[in-house]
Amino acid sequence: MEVIKNNKEWLGQWFESFSTWQSHLSSENRLIRVRIFGAPLMLWNDQGFSKFTALVGKLIKMTDEMNNMDNLEFVKVLIRTAIISPIMLFRKFSDE
């Protein structure tokens, strides 16, 4: 706590408030970066990837390469999820 007291003005530029840790103040979500491989071209849009990522959380952002269609091998996305354990998801897309 001494470090915080001595640097309160500087830390105030970055943080709205300070408090000691309490167990009920934990986050229920985390942000994860995921690479999605092999998605059909019909899903290569905001709506398609939003539906795909809904399996584990909420789509927050996609890389600019996806919008430019620079790389059709995979797309990088940022997802907000409540799942704490590692996520390894495989899904087969049907041609139907």
C-alpha atoms as a PDB file:
ATOM      1  CA  MET A   1       0.000   0.000   0.000  1.00  0.00           C
ATOM      2  CA  GLU A   2       2.961   2.318   0.519  1.00  0.00           C
ATOM      3  CA  VAL A   3       3.700   2.326  -3.219  1.00  0.00           C
ATOM      4  CA  ILE A   4       0.128   3.350  -3.983  1.00  0.00           C
ATOM      5  CA  LYS A   5       0.184   6.136  -1.383  1.00  0.00           C
ATOM      6  CA  ASN A   6       3.470   7.524  -2.743  1.00  0.00           C
ATOM      7  CA  ASN A   7       2.298   7.450  -6.387  1.00  0.00           C
ATOM      8  CA  LYS A   8      -1.377   8.306  -6.045  1.00  0.00           C
ATOM      9  CA  GLU A   9      -1.257  11.277  -8.415  1.00  0.00           C
ATOM     10  CA  TRP A  10       0.478   9.327 -11.200  1.00  0.00           C
ATOM     11  CA  LEU A  11      -1.745   6.269 -10.736  1.00  0.00           C
ATOM     12  CA  GLY A  12      -4.795   8.552 -10.799  1.00  0.00           C
ATOM     13  CA  GLN A  13      -4.102   9.183 -14.490  1.00  0.00           C
ATOM     14  CA  TRP A  14      -4.784   5.509 -15.211  1.00  0.00           C
ATOM     15  CA  PHE A  15      -7.220   4.344 -12.539  1.00  0.00           C
ATOM     16  CA  GLU A  16     -10.531   5.769 -11.453  1.00  0.00           C
ATOM     17  CA  SER A  17     -10.279   4.450  -7.891  1.00  0.00           C
ATOM     18  CA  PHE A  18      -8.254   2.166  -5.615  1.00  0.00           C
ATOM     19  CA  SER A  19      -9.426  -0.275  -2.976  1.00  0.00           C
ATOM     20  CA  THR A  20      -8.108  -3.302  -1.201  1.00  0.00           C
ATOM     21  CA  TRP A  21      -8.948  -6.627  -2.791  1.00  0.00           C
ATOM     22  CA  GLN A  22     -12.185  -8.295  -1.715  1.00  0.00           C
ATOM     23  CA  SER A  23     -13.326 -11.724  -2.907  1.00  0.00           C
ATOM     24  CA  HIS A  24     -16.690 -10.447  -4.198  1.00  0.00           C
ATOM     25  CA  LEU A  25     -14.932  -7.990  -6.569  1.00  0.00           C
ATOM     26  CA  SER A  26     -13.846 -10.580  -9.120  1.00  0.00           C
ATOM     27  CA  SER A  27     -14.717 -10.428 -12.806  1.00  0.00           C
ATOM     28  CA  GLU A  28     -17.282 -12.795 -14.250  1.00  0.00           C
ATOM     29  CA  ASN A  29     -15.884 -12.505 -17.783  1.00  0.00           C
ATOM     30  CA  ARG A  30     -12.589 -12.519 -19.614  1.00  0.00           C
ATOM     31  CA  LEU A  31     -11.456 -11.404 -23.053  1.00  0.00           C
ATOM     32  CA  ILE A  32      -9.828 -14.012 -25.260  1.00  0.00           C
ATOM     33  CA  ARG A  33      -8.247 -13.865 -28.702  1.00  0.00           C
ATOM     34  CA  VAL A  34      -9.166 -16.762 -30.950  1.00  0.00           C
ATOM     35  CA  ARG A  35      -8.196 -17.870 -34.430  1.00  0.00           C
ATOM     36  CA  ILE A  36     -10.998 -19.438 -36.430  1.00  0.00           C
ATOM     37  CA  PHE A  37      -9.785 -21.767 -39.199  1.00  0.00           C
ATOM     38  CA  GLY A  38     -11.723 -23.243 -42.089  1.00  0.00           C
ATOM     39  CA  ALA A  39     -14.934 -21.246 -41.838  1.00  0.00           C
ATOM     40  CA  PRO A  40     -16.995 -21.302 -45.045  1.00  0.00           C
ATOM     41  CA  LEU A  41     -16.872 -18.103 -47.101  1.00  0.00           C
ATOM     42  CA  MET A  42     -20.602 -17.574 -46.545  1.00  0.00           C
ATOM     43  CA  LEU A  43     -19.761 -16.913 -42.859  1.00  0.00           C
ATOM     44  CA  TRP A  44     -16.998 -14.376 -43.580  1.00  0.00           C
ATOM     45  CA  ASN A  45     -18.925 -11.354 -42.302  1.00  0.00           C
ATOM     46  CA  ASP A  46     -19.800  -9.745 -38.955  1.00  0.00           C
ATOM     47  CA  GLN A  47     -23.087 -11.602 -38.643  1.00  0.00           C
ATOM     48  CA  GLY A  48     -21.577 -14.996 -39.501  1.00  0.00           C
ATOM     49  CA  PHE A  49     -18.743 -14.757 -37.013  1.00  0.00           C
ATOM     50  CA  SER A  50     -21.064 -13.352 -34.341  1.00  0.00           C
ATOM     51  CA  LYS A  51     -23.201 -16.481 -34.649  1.00  0.00           C
ATOM     52  CA  PHE A  52     -20.152 -18.733 -34.589  1.00  0.00           C
ATOM     53  CA  THR A  53     -18.599 -17.090 -31.518  1.00  0.00           C
ATOM     54  CA  ALA A  54     -21.961 -17.105 -29.689  1.00  0.00           C
ATOM     55  CA  LEU A  55     -21.139 -20.727 -28.828  1.00  0.00           C
ATOM     56  CA  VAL A  56     -18.605 -19.489 -26.254  1.00  0.00           C
ATOM     57  CA  GLY A  57     -19.339 -15.803 -25.725  1.00  0.00           C
ATOM     58  CA  LYS A  58     -19.879 -12.464 -27.430  1.00  0.00           C
ATOM     59  CA  LEU A  59     -17.877 -11.221 -30.412  1.00  0.00           C
ATOM     60  CA  ILE A  60     -16.143  -7.959 -29.523  1.00  0.00           C
ATOM     61  CA  LYS A  61     -13.855  -7.319 -32.500  1.00  0.00           C
ATOM     62  CA  MET A  62     -12.397  -8.913 -35.632  1.00  0.00           C
ATOM     63  CA  THR A  63      -9.070  -8.073 -37.210  1.00  0.00           C
ATOM     64  CA  ASP A  64      -8.983  -5.629 -40.118  1.00  0.00           C
ATOM     65  CA  GLU A  65      -7.628  -8.373 -42.384  1.00  0.00           C
ATOM     66  CA  MET A  66     -11.058 -10.009 -42.245  1.00  0.00           C
ATOM     67  CA  ASN A  67     -12.777  -6.908 -43.564  1.00  0.00           C
ATOM     68  CA  ASN A  68     -10.189  -6.588 -46.357  1.00  0.00           C
ATOM     69  CA  MET A  69     -10.359 -10.339 -47.128  1.00  0.00           C
ATOM     70  CA  ASP A  70      -6.537 -10.364 -47.102  1.00  0.00           C
ATOM     71  CA  ASN A  71      -6.309 -13.777 -45.458  1.00  0.00           C
ATOM     72  CA  LEU A  72      -8.958 -16.423 -46.075  1.00  0.00           C
ATOM     73  CA  GLU A  73      -7.156 -19.165 -44.130  1.00  0.00           C
ATOM     74  CA  PHE A  74      -8.224 -17.931 -40.670  1.00  0.00           C
ATOM     75  CA  VAL A  75      -9.650 -14.903 -38.905  1.00  0.00           C
ATOM     76  CA  LYS A  76      -8.601 -13.533 -35.502  1.00  0.00           C
ATOM     77  CA  VAL A  77     -11.409 -12.446 -33.194  1.00  0.00           C
ATOM     78  CA  LEU A  78     -11.723 -11.005 -29.707  1.00  0.00           C
ATOM     79  CA  ILE A  79     -14.460 -12.637 -27.611  1.00  0.00           C
ATOM     80  CA  ARG A  80     -15.884 -11.874 -24.166  1.00  0.00           C
ATOM     81  CA  THR A  81     -16.653 -15.135 -22.373  1.00  0.00           C
ATOM     82  CA  ALA A  82     -17.600 -16.394 -18.924  1.00  0.00           C
ATOM     83  CA  ILE A  83     -15.803 -19.689 -19.594  1.00  0.00           C
ATOM     84  CA  ILE A  84     -12.688 -19.822 -17.441  1.00  0.00           C
ATOM     85  CA  SER A  85     -11.248 -23.154 -18.594  1.00  0.00           C
ATOM     86  CA  PRO A  86      -9.266 -23.405 -21.865  1.00  0.00           C
ATOM     87  CA  ILE A  87     -11.520 -23.380 -24.936  1.00  0.00           C
ATOM     88  CA  MET A  88     -10.834 -25.935 -27.656  1.00  0.00           C
ATOM     89  CA  LEU A  89     -13.825 -25.975 -29.968  1.00  0.00           C
ATOM     90  CA  PHE A  90     -14.091 -27.867 -33.224  1.00  0.00           C
ATOM     91  CA  ARG A  91     -17.149 -27.622 -35.421  1.00  0.00           C
ATOM     92  CA  LYS A  92     -17.801 -29.300 -38.743  1.00  0.00           C
ATOM     93  CA  PHE A  93     -19.770 -27.269 -41.243  1.00  0.00           C
ATOM     94  CA  SER A  94     -22.110 -29.097 -43.565  1.00  0.00           C
ATOM     95  CA  ASP A  95     -22.607 -28.265 -47.242  1.00  0.00           C
ATOM     96  CA  GLU A  96     -26.387 -28.424 -46.886  1.00  0.00           C
END
